[in-house]
Amino acid sequence: MSLSQDLLEQARILERKEPKRPKQASLRRAVSTAYYALFHRLIDLSSREIVSGSADWGLREAVARSLNHADMRKVCKSIASRNPPAPMASLLGQPLELDSGLLAVSEAFVDLQQARHEADYDLARRFTRDDVAALVDLAEDAFAGIDALKRRNTRQYRTFILALAFHPSWSRA
């Protein structure tokens, strides 16, 4: 099983831990882990696309290490807001009609990253089990969405996956 799938399962375990009175520590770790599950799923897909046709784990790992949270958020936020920068927009297709699955995955990434920041840094924020269950569900739905996009292998999917790594360079084009 992949790291991202293991993380998603771990998020669900943490969300359900302590059935009567869940500890904030468990709920917060579940939120953070749900985000990291999606983060690592997208990194894995991007690095496999870039290093396609190769079983060279070292090369894929080097590519994966080049992706970062901030740039991935910029890509996802620009798609979620339906306002990607011109170089990316032209690659996504004109007129710009974004796939609903791509929008959902992008929105989920942005929402989960924000929730992770709150879980990790905002000690005044209290999470309920229902809050956390909804966020883990969101991560699961994003997994299903990105996997469906991958199966269809559209230009929008490939542009998105590559933009996660190359967006800063494309923005300078």
N, C-alpha and C. Protein backbone atom coordinates (compact mmCIF):
# COMPACT_ATOMS: atom_id res chain seq x y z
N MET A 1 0.84 -1.18 0.00
CA MET A 1 0.00 0.00 0.00
C MET A 1 0.89 1.24 0.00
N SER A 2 0.42 2.31 -0.58
CA SER A 2 1.21 3.53 -0.70
C SER A 2 1.18 4.33 0.60
N LEU A 3 2.17 5.20 0.76
CA LEU A 3 2.22 6.08 1.93
C LEU A 3 0.95 6.91 2.03
N SER A 4 0.49 7.46 0.91
CA SER A 4 -0.69 8.32 0.96
C SER A 4 -1.92 7.54 1.44
N GLN A 5 -2.09 6.32 0.98
CA GLN A 5 -3.24 5.51 1.41
C GLN A 5 -3.10 5.15 2.89
N ASP A 6 -1.89 4.83 3.32
CA ASP A 6 -1.66 4.54 4.74
C ASP A 6 -1.99 5.76 5.60
N LEU A 7 -1.60 6.94 5.14
CA LEU A 7 -1.90 8.16 5.89
C LEU A 7 -3.40 8.40 5.97
N LEU A 8 -4.10 8.16 4.87
CA LEU A 8 -5.55 8.34 4.87
C LEU A 8 -6.21 7.39 5.88
N GLU A 9 -5.76 6.15 5.90
CA GLU A 9 -6.30 5.19 6.87
C GLU A 9 -5.96 5.60 8.29
N GLN A 10 -4.75 6.11 8.50
CA GLN A 10 -4.35 6.57 9.83
C GLN A 10 -5.21 7.75 10.28
N ALA A 11 -5.53 8.65 9.37
CA ALA A 11 -6.40 9.78 9.71
C ALA A 11 -7.76 9.27 10.19
N ARG A 12 -8.30 8.27 9.52
CA ARG A 12 -9.60 7.71 9.91
C ARG A 12 -9.49 7.05 11.29
N ILE A 13 -8.41 6.33 11.53
CA ILE A 13 -8.22 5.69 12.84
C ILE A 13 -8.17 6.74 13.95
N LEU A 14 -7.41 7.80 13.72
CA LEU A 14 -7.30 8.87 14.72
C LEU A 14 -8.64 9.57 14.94
N GLU A 15 -9.39 9.75 13.88
CA GLU A 15 -10.71 10.40 13.99
C GLU A 15 -11.65 9.57 14.85
N ARG A 16 -11.54 8.26 14.79
CA ARG A 16 -12.46 7.37 15.52
C ARG A 16 -11.93 6.95 16.88
N LYS A 17 -10.69 7.31 17.17
CA LYS A 17 -10.07 6.92 18.43
C LYS A 17 -10.82 7.58 19.59
N GLU A 18 -10.79 6.97 20.74
CA GLU A 18 -11.48 7.48 21.94
C GLU A 18 -12.96 7.76 21.63
N PRO A 19 -13.75 6.71 21.48
CA PRO A 19 -15.13 6.87 21.01
C PRO A 19 -16.03 7.77 21.86
N LYS A 20 -15.80 7.84 23.16
CA LYS A 20 -16.70 8.64 23.99
C LYS A 20 -16.25 10.09 24.12
N ARG A 21 -15.00 10.31 24.39
CA ARG A 21 -14.49 11.68 24.57
C ARG A 21 -13.16 11.80 23.83
N PRO A 22 -13.23 12.13 22.56
CA PRO A 22 -11.98 12.19 21.79
C PRO A 22 -11.06 13.31 22.29
N LYS A 23 -9.79 13.00 22.32
CA LYS A 23 -8.79 13.99 22.72
C LYS A 23 -8.52 14.93 21.56
N GLN A 24 -8.30 16.19 21.87
CA GLN A 24 -7.96 17.16 20.84
C GLN A 24 -6.71 16.73 20.09
N ALA A 25 -5.77 16.11 20.79
CA ALA A 25 -4.53 15.67 20.13
C ALA A 25 -4.85 14.67 19.02
N SER A 26 -5.75 13.74 19.28
CA SER A 26 -6.12 12.74 18.26
C SER A 26 -6.84 13.40 17.09
N LEU A 27 -7.77 14.30 17.40
CA LEU A 27 -8.53 14.96 16.34
C LEU A 27 -7.62 15.86 15.50
N ARG A 28 -6.73 16.58 16.15
CA ARG A 28 -5.80 17.46 15.43
C ARG A 28 -4.86 16.65 14.54
N ARG A 29 -4.35 15.55 15.05
CA ARG A 29 -3.46 14.71 14.24
C ARG A 29 -4.23 14.10 13.07
N ALA A 30 -5.49 13.80 13.26
CA ALA A 30 -6.31 13.26 12.16
C ALA A 30 -6.44 14.29 11.05
N VAL A 31 -6.68 15.55 11.41
CA VAL A 31 -6.80 16.62 10.41
C VAL A 31 -5.49 16.77 9.66
N SER A 32 -4.41 16.87 10.40
CA SER A 32 -3.10 17.04 9.78
C SER A 32 -2.76 15.86 8.87
N THR A 33 -3.06 14.67 9.34
CA THR A 33 -2.76 13.46 8.57
C THR A 33 -3.62 13.37 7.31
N ALA A 34 -4.86 13.80 7.38
CA ALA A 34 -5.72 13.81 6.19
C ALA A 34 -5.13 14.72 5.12
N TYR A 35 -4.65 15.89 5.53
CA TYR A 35 -4.02 16.80 4.57
C TYR A 35 -2.77 16.15 3.97
N TYR A 36 -1.91 15.60 4.82
CA TYR A 36 -0.68 15.00 4.32
C TYR A 36 -0.96 13.81 3.41
N ALA A 37 -2.05 13.11 3.63
CA ALA A 37 -2.42 12.00 2.74
C ALA A 37 -2.63 12.53 1.32
N LEU A 38 -3.41 13.61 1.19
CA LEU A 38 -3.66 14.18 -0.14
C LEU A 38 -2.39 14.79 -0.71
N PHE A 39 -1.63 15.49 0.11
CA PHE A 39 -0.36 16.08 -0.31
C PHE A 39 0.55 15.01 -0.93
N HIS A 40 0.72 13.90 -0.22
CA HIS A 40 1.60 12.84 -0.73
C HIS A 40 1.00 12.12 -1.93
N ARG A 41 -0.31 12.02 -2.01
CA ARG A 41 -0.94 11.40 -3.20
C ARG A 41 -0.64 12.24 -4.44
N LEU A 42 -0.78 13.55 -4.32
CA LEU A 42 -0.51 14.43 -5.47
C LEU A 42 0.97 14.44 -5.83
N ILE A 43 1.83 14.41 -4.84
CA ILE A 43 3.28 14.35 -5.11
C ILE A 43 3.62 13.06 -5.84
N ASP A 44 3.05 11.95 -5.39
CA ASP A 44 3.33 10.67 -6.03
C ASP A 44 2.88 10.68 -7.48
N LEU A 45 1.68 11.19 -7.74
CA LEU A 45 1.19 11.24 -9.12
C LEU A 45 2.05 12.15 -9.99
N SER A 46 2.45 13.28 -9.44
CA SER A 46 3.27 14.22 -10.20
C SER A 46 4.64 13.62 -10.51
N SER A 47 5.28 13.03 -9.51
CA SER A 47 6.62 12.47 -9.75
C SER A 47 6.56 11.29 -10.71
N ARG A 48 5.50 10.50 -10.66
CA ARG A 48 5.36 9.39 -11.61
C ARG A 48 5.12 9.90 -13.03
N GLU A 49 4.40 10.99 -13.17
CA GLU A 49 4.16 11.57 -14.49
C GLU A 49 5.46 12.12 -15.08
N ILE A 50 6.24 12.78 -14.24
CA ILE A 50 7.50 13.38 -14.71
C ILE A 50 8.53 12.32 -15.03
N VAL A 51 8.60 11.28 -14.21
CA VAL A 51 9.59 10.22 -14.40
C VAL A 51 8.87 8.97 -14.93
N SER A 52 7.98 9.16 -15.89
CA SER A 52 7.20 8.04 -16.40
C SER A 52 8.09 7.04 -17.12
N GLY A 53 7.65 5.80 -17.08
CA GLY A 53 8.37 4.75 -17.78
C GLY A 53 9.64 4.31 -17.07
N SER A 54 9.82 4.77 -15.85
CA SER A 54 11.04 4.42 -15.13
C SER A 54 10.68 3.90 -13.74
N ALA A 55 11.36 2.85 -13.36
CA ALA A 55 11.18 2.31 -12.01
C ALA A 55 12.25 2.88 -11.08
N ASP A 56 12.95 3.91 -11.52
CA ASP A 56 14.04 4.50 -10.75
C ASP A 56 13.48 5.29 -9.56
N TRP A 57 13.40 4.62 -8.41
CA TRP A 57 12.83 5.24 -7.22
C TRP A 57 13.64 6.48 -6.81
N GLY A 58 14.95 6.43 -6.92
CA GLY A 58 15.78 7.56 -6.53
C GLY A 58 15.46 8.81 -7.33
N LEU A 59 15.24 8.65 -8.62
CA LEU A 59 14.90 9.79 -9.47
C LEU A 59 13.51 10.33 -9.12
N ARG A 60 12.56 9.41 -8.93
CA ARG A 60 11.21 9.86 -8.55
C ARG A 60 11.23 10.56 -7.20
N GLU A 61 12.03 10.06 -6.28
CA GLU A 61 12.13 10.68 -4.95
C GLU A 61 12.72 12.09 -5.06
N ALA A 62 13.71 12.26 -5.90
CA ALA A 62 14.31 13.59 -6.09
C ALA A 62 13.28 14.56 -6.66
N VAL A 63 12.49 14.10 -7.61
CA VAL A 63 11.43 14.95 -8.17
C VAL A 63 10.41 15.27 -7.08
N ALA A 64 10.01 14.27 -6.32
CA ALA A 64 9.01 14.47 -5.27
C ALA A 64 9.48 15.50 -4.25
N ARG A 65 10.76 15.48 -3.91
CA ARG A 65 11.29 16.43 -2.93
C ARG A 65 11.28 17.86 -3.45
N SER A 66 11.17 18.04 -4.75
CA SER A 66 11.18 19.40 -5.31
C SER A 66 9.81 20.08 -5.21
N LEU A 67 8.76 19.31 -4.97
CA LEU A 67 7.43 19.90 -4.82
C LEU A 67 7.28 20.46 -3.41
N ASN A 68 6.53 21.56 -3.29
CA ASN A 68 6.37 22.14 -1.96
C ASN A 68 4.94 22.61 -1.73
N HIS A 69 4.62 22.72 -0.46
CA HIS A 69 3.26 23.06 -0.03
C HIS A 69 2.77 24.37 -0.63
N ALA A 70 3.60 25.41 -0.58
CA ALA A 70 3.16 26.75 -1.02
C ALA A 70 2.84 26.78 -2.51
N ASP A 71 3.72 26.22 -3.33
CA ASP A 71 3.47 26.23 -4.77
C ASP A 71 2.27 25.36 -5.14
N MET A 72 2.14 24.22 -4.46
CA MET A 72 0.99 23.36 -4.73
C MET A 72 -0.31 24.08 -4.34
N ARG A 73 -0.27 24.82 -3.25
CA ARG A 73 -1.46 25.59 -2.84
C ARG A 73 -1.79 26.65 -3.89
N LYS A 74 -0.76 27.32 -4.42
CA LYS A 74 -1.01 28.35 -5.44
C LYS A 74 -1.70 27.75 -6.65
N VAL A 75 -1.22 26.60 -7.09
CA VAL A 75 -1.84 25.93 -8.23
C VAL A 75 -3.29 25.60 -7.92
N CYS A 76 -3.50 24.95 -6.78
CA CYS A 76 -4.86 24.53 -6.42
C CYS A 76 -5.78 25.72 -6.19
N LYS A 77 -5.27 26.75 -5.55
CA LYS A 77 -6.10 27.94 -5.29
C LYS A 77 -6.48 28.63 -6.60
N SER A 78 -5.54 28.69 -7.53
CA SER A 78 -5.84 29.35 -8.81
C SER A 78 -6.89 28.57 -9.60
N ILE A 79 -6.84 27.25 -9.51
CA ILE A 79 -7.84 26.43 -10.20
C ILE A 79 -9.18 26.51 -9.47
N ALA A 80 -9.14 26.40 -8.14
CA ALA A 80 -10.38 26.46 -7.36
C ALA A 80 -11.11 27.79 -7.56
N SER A 81 -10.35 28.86 -7.76
CA SER A 81 -10.96 30.18 -7.98
C SER A 81 -11.29 30.41 -9.46
N ARG A 82 -10.99 29.40 -10.28
CA ARG A 82 -11.23 29.46 -11.73
C ARG A 82 -10.47 30.61 -12.38
N ASN A 83 -9.27 30.86 -11.84
CA ASN A 83 -8.47 31.97 -12.34
C ASN A 83 -6.99 31.59 -12.40
N PRO A 84 -6.66 30.52 -13.15
CA PRO A 84 -5.24 30.16 -13.24
C PRO A 84 -4.47 31.21 -14.03
N PRO A 85 -3.17 31.36 -13.75
CA PRO A 85 -2.39 32.33 -14.51
C PRO A 85 -2.40 31.98 -16.00
N ALA A 86 -2.20 32.97 -16.83
CA ALA A 86 -2.32 32.82 -18.29
C ALA A 86 -1.57 31.61 -18.85
N PRO A 87 -0.29 31.40 -18.49
CA PRO A 87 0.39 30.24 -19.08
C PRO A 87 -0.29 28.92 -18.74
N MET A 88 -0.76 28.76 -17.50
CA MET A 88 -1.43 27.53 -17.12
C MET A 88 -2.81 27.46 -17.76
N ALA A 89 -3.52 28.56 -17.80
CA ALA A 89 -4.86 28.59 -18.39
C ALA A 89 -4.83 28.15 -19.84
N SER A 90 -3.83 28.59 -20.58
CA SER A 90 -3.75 28.21 -21.99
C SER A 90 -3.51 26.71 -22.14
N LEU A 91 -2.78 26.11 -21.19
CA LEU A 91 -2.54 24.67 -21.24
C LEU A 91 -3.78 23.88 -20.80
N LEU A 92 -4.61 24.48 -19.97
CA LEU A 92 -5.83 23.81 -19.52
C LEU A 92 -6.91 23.79 -20.58
N GLY A 93 -6.77 24.66 -21.59
CA GLY A 93 -7.72 24.67 -22.71
C GLY A 93 -8.53 25.95 -22.75
N GLN A 94 -8.82 26.38 -23.95
CA GLN A 94 -9.60 27.60 -24.16
C GLN A 94 -10.80 27.27 -25.03
N PRO A 95 -11.98 27.76 -24.74
CA PRO A 95 -12.27 28.58 -23.56
C PRO A 95 -12.12 27.73 -22.29
N LEU A 96 -11.79 28.37 -21.19
CA LEU A 96 -11.50 27.67 -19.95
C LEU A 96 -12.77 27.09 -19.33
N GLU A 97 -12.91 25.80 -19.44
CA GLU A 97 -14.01 25.06 -18.83
C GLU A 97 -13.38 23.96 -17.99
N LEU A 98 -13.21 24.24 -16.71
CA LEU A 98 -12.51 23.31 -15.84
C LEU A 98 -13.38 22.12 -15.46
N ASP A 99 -12.77 20.95 -15.47
CA ASP A 99 -13.41 19.71 -15.07
C ASP A 99 -13.88 19.84 -13.62
N SER A 100 -15.10 19.40 -13.34
CA SER A 100 -15.64 19.52 -11.98
C SER A 100 -14.81 18.71 -10.98
N GLY A 101 -14.27 17.58 -11.42
CA GLY A 101 -13.42 16.78 -10.54
C GLY A 101 -12.12 17.50 -10.20
N LEU A 102 -11.56 18.18 -11.18
CA LEU A 102 -10.34 18.96 -10.96
C LEU A 102 -10.62 20.10 -9.98
N LEU A 103 -11.75 20.75 -10.13
CA LEU A 103 -12.14 21.81 -9.20
C LEU A 103 -12.28 21.25 -7.78
N ALA A 104 -12.93 20.10 -7.65
CA ALA A 104 -13.15 19.51 -6.33
C ALA A 104 -11.84 19.12 -5.65
N VAL A 105 -10.92 18.53 -6.40
CA VAL A 105 -9.62 18.15 -5.83
C VAL A 105 -8.85 19.40 -5.41
N SER A 106 -8.87 20.42 -6.24
CA SER A 106 -8.16 21.66 -5.93
C SER A 106 -8.74 22.33 -4.69
N GLU A 107 -10.06 22.40 -4.62
CA GLU A 107 -10.71 22.99 -3.45
C GLU A 107 -10.40 22.18 -2.19
N ALA A 108 -10.40 20.86 -2.31
CA ALA A 108 -10.10 20.01 -1.15
C ALA A 108 -8.69 20.25 -0.65
N PHE A 109 -7.73 20.38 -1.57
CA PHE A 109 -6.35 20.62 -1.15
C PHE A 109 -6.25 21.92 -0.36
N VAL A 110 -6.84 22.98 -0.89
CA VAL A 110 -6.79 24.29 -0.22
C VAL A 110 -7.48 24.21 1.15
N ASP A 111 -8.65 23.60 1.20
CA ASP A 111 -9.40 23.51 2.46
C ASP A 111 -8.66 22.65 3.49
N LEU A 112 -8.11 21.53 3.04
CA LEU A 112 -7.39 20.65 3.97
C LEU A 112 -6.10 21.30 4.47
N GLN A 113 -5.42 22.04 3.60
CA GLN A 113 -4.21 22.71 4.06
C GLN A 113 -4.55 23.77 5.12
N GLN A 114 -5.62 24.52 4.90
CA GLN A 114 -6.04 25.52 5.89
C GLN A 114 -6.41 24.83 7.20
N ALA A 115 -7.14 23.73 7.12
CA ALA A 115 -7.52 23.00 8.33
C ALA A 115 -6.29 22.45 9.05
N ARG A 116 -5.31 21.99 8.29
CA ARG A 116 -4.07 21.50 8.91
C ARG A 116 -3.37 22.62 9.65
N HIS A 117 -3.29 23.80 9.06
CA HIS A 117 -2.67 24.93 9.74
C HIS A 117 -3.40 25.23 11.05
N GLU A 118 -4.71 25.20 11.02
CA GLU A 118 -5.49 25.44 12.25
C GLU A 118 -5.24 24.34 13.27
N ALA A 119 -5.21 23.09 12.82
CA ALA A 119 -4.99 21.97 13.73
C ALA A 119 -3.60 22.02 14.36
N ASP A 120 -2.62 22.41 13.58
CA ASP A 120 -1.25 22.40 14.08
C ASP A 120 -0.85 23.66 14.83
N TYR A 121 -1.47 24.80 14.52
CA TYR A 121 -0.98 26.06 15.07
C TYR A 121 -1.99 26.89 15.85
N ASP A 122 -3.27 26.68 15.67
CA ASP A 122 -4.28 27.49 16.35
C ASP A 122 -4.82 26.72 17.56
N LEU A 123 -4.19 26.93 18.70
CA LEU A 123 -4.56 26.18 19.89
C LEU A 123 -5.92 26.59 20.45
N ALA A 124 -6.42 27.74 20.05
CA ALA A 124 -7.75 28.18 20.48
C ALA A 124 -8.86 27.43 19.73
N ARG A 125 -8.54 26.91 18.58
CA ARG A 125 -9.53 26.18 17.76
C ARG A 125 -9.82 24.83 18.40
N ARG A 126 -11.08 24.52 18.58
CA ARG A 126 -11.51 23.22 19.10
C ARG A 126 -12.14 22.44 17.95
N PHE A 127 -11.72 21.22 17.78
CA PHE A 127 -12.27 20.36 16.75
C PHE A 127 -13.25 19.38 17.37
N THR A 128 -14.34 19.13 16.67
CA THR A 128 -15.27 18.08 17.08
C THR A 128 -15.02 16.87 16.19
N ARG A 129 -15.52 15.74 16.64
CA ARG A 129 -15.37 14.54 15.82
C ARG A 129 -16.07 14.73 14.47
N ASP A 130 -17.22 15.40 14.47
CA ASP A 130 -17.93 15.64 13.22
C ASP A 130 -17.12 16.52 12.27
N ASP A 131 -16.46 17.55 12.82
CA ASP A 131 -15.58 18.40 11.99
C ASP A 131 -14.52 17.55 11.32
N VAL A 132 -13.90 16.71 12.13
CA VAL A 132 -12.77 15.91 11.64
C VAL A 132 -13.25 14.84 10.67
N ALA A 133 -14.38 14.22 10.96
CA ALA A 133 -14.93 13.21 10.04
C ALA A 133 -15.19 13.83 8.67
N ALA A 134 -15.71 15.05 8.67
CA ALA A 134 -15.98 15.73 7.39
C ALA A 134 -14.68 16.01 6.63
N LEU A 135 -13.62 16.36 7.34
CA LEU A 135 -12.34 16.63 6.68
C LEU A 135 -11.70 15.34 6.16
N VAL A 136 -11.80 14.26 6.91
CA VAL A 136 -11.27 12.98 6.43
C VAL A 136 -12.09 12.51 5.23
N ASP A 137 -13.40 12.70 5.28
CA ASP A 137 -14.25 12.40 4.11
C ASP A 137 -13.83 13.22 2.90
N LEU A 138 -13.51 14.49 3.13
CA LEU A 138 -13.07 15.37 2.04
C LEU A 138 -11.79 14.82 1.41
N ALA A 139 -10.86 14.37 2.23
CA ALA A 139 -9.62 13.78 1.70
C ALA A 139 -9.93 12.51 0.91
N GLU A 140 -10.81 11.66 1.44
CA GLU A 140 -11.19 10.44 0.72
C GLU A 140 -11.83 10.77 -0.62
N ASP A 141 -12.71 11.74 -0.62
CA ASP A 141 -13.36 12.16 -1.87
C ASP A 141 -12.33 12.71 -2.86
N ALA A 142 -11.35 13.44 -2.36
CA ALA A 142 -10.30 13.98 -3.23
C ALA A 142 -9.47 12.84 -3.83
N PHE A 143 -9.20 11.80 -3.05
CA PHE A 143 -8.49 10.63 -3.58
C PHE A 143 -9.29 10.02 -4.72
N ALA A 144 -10.58 9.82 -4.48
CA ALA A 144 -11.44 9.23 -5.52
C ALA A 144 -11.48 10.14 -6.75
N GLY A 145 -11.54 11.44 -6.52
CA GLY A 145 -11.58 12.39 -7.63
C GLY A 145 -10.31 12.40 -8.45
N ILE A 146 -9.17 12.42 -7.79
CA ILE A 146 -7.90 12.47 -8.54
C ILE A 146 -7.67 11.13 -9.25
N ASP A 147 -8.10 10.04 -8.63
CA ASP A 147 -7.96 8.73 -9.29
C ASP A 147 -8.85 8.65 -10.53
N ALA A 148 -10.05 9.21 -10.46
CA ALA A 148 -10.94 9.24 -11.63
C ALA A 148 -10.34 10.10 -12.73
N LEU A 149 -9.77 11.24 -12.36
CA LEU A 149 -9.10 12.09 -13.35
C LEU A 149 -7.93 11.37 -13.99
N LYS A 150 -7.17 10.64 -13.18
CA LYS A 150 -6.01 9.90 -13.70
C LYS A 150 -6.46 8.84 -14.72
N ARG A 151 -7.54 8.15 -14.41
CA ARG A 151 -8.03 7.12 -15.34
C ARG A 151 -8.43 7.73 -16.68
N ARG A 152 -9.03 8.92 -16.64
CA ARG A 152 -9.44 9.59 -17.89
C ARG A 152 -8.24 10.18 -18.61
N ASN A 153 -7.18 10.50 -17.86
CA ASN A 153 -5.91 10.98 -18.42
C ASN A 153 -6.11 12.12 -19.42
N THR A 154 -6.88 13.11 -19.03
CA THR A 154 -7.14 14.25 -19.91
C THR A 154 -5.97 15.24 -19.87
N ARG A 155 -6.00 16.14 -20.81
CA ARG A 155 -4.98 17.20 -20.83
C ARG A 155 -5.06 18.04 -19.55
N GLN A 156 -6.27 18.29 -19.06
CA GLN A 156 -6.40 19.05 -17.81
C GLN A 156 -5.76 18.32 -16.64
N TYR A 157 -5.96 17.00 -16.56
CA TYR A 157 -5.32 16.22 -15.50
C TYR A 157 -3.80 16.33 -15.60
N ARG A 158 -3.27 16.09 -16.78
CA ARG A 158 -1.81 16.12 -16.95
C ARG A 158 -1.25 17.51 -16.68
N THR A 159 -1.95 18.55 -17.13
CA THR A 159 -1.51 19.92 -16.87
C THR A 159 -1.49 20.19 -15.37
N PHE A 160 -2.53 19.79 -14.68
CA PHE A 160 -2.61 19.99 -13.23
C PHE A 160 -1.47 19.28 -12.52
N ILE A 161 -1.27 18.01 -12.82
CA ILE A 161 -0.24 17.22 -12.15
C ILE A 161 1.15 17.80 -12.41
N LEU A 162 1.39 18.25 -13.63
CA LEU A 162 2.70 18.85 -13.94
C LEU A 162 2.82 20.25 -13.36
N ALA A 163 1.73 20.99 -13.30
CA ALA A 163 1.77 22.34 -12.72
C ALA A 163 2.17 22.30 -11.25
N LEU A 164 1.82 21.24 -10.56
CA LEU A 164 2.22 21.13 -9.15
C LEU A 164 3.73 21.25 -9.00
N ALA A 165 4.47 20.77 -9.98
CA ALA A 165 5.93 20.85 -9.93
C ALA A 165 6.48 22.07 -10.66
N PHE A 166 5.86 22.43 -11.77
CA PHE A 166 6.46 23.44 -12.65
C PHE A 166 5.79 24.81 -12.62
N HIS A 167 4.76 24.97 -11.81
CA HIS A 167 4.02 26.24 -11.77
C HIS A 167 4.91 27.47 -11.63
N PRO A 168 5.91 27.48 -10.75
CA PRO A 168 6.73 28.69 -10.65
C PRO A 168 7.41 29.05 -11.97
N SER A 169 7.85 28.05 -12.70
CA SER A 169 8.49 28.31 -14.00
C SER A 169 7.47 28.76 -15.03
N TRP A 170 6.29 28.15 -15.01
CA TRP A 170 5.25 28.53 -15.97
C TRP A 170 4.79 29.95 -15.72
N SER A 171 4.80 30.38 -14.47
CA SER A 171 4.35 31.74 -14.15
C SER A 171 5.28 32.79 -14.73
N ARG A 172 6.53 32.42 -14.97
CA ARG A 172 7.49 33.36 -15.55
C ARG A 172 7.41 33.40 -17.07
N ALA A 173 6.70 32.45 -17.65
CA ALA A 173 6.64 32.36 -19.12
C ALA A 173 5.89 33.52 -19.72
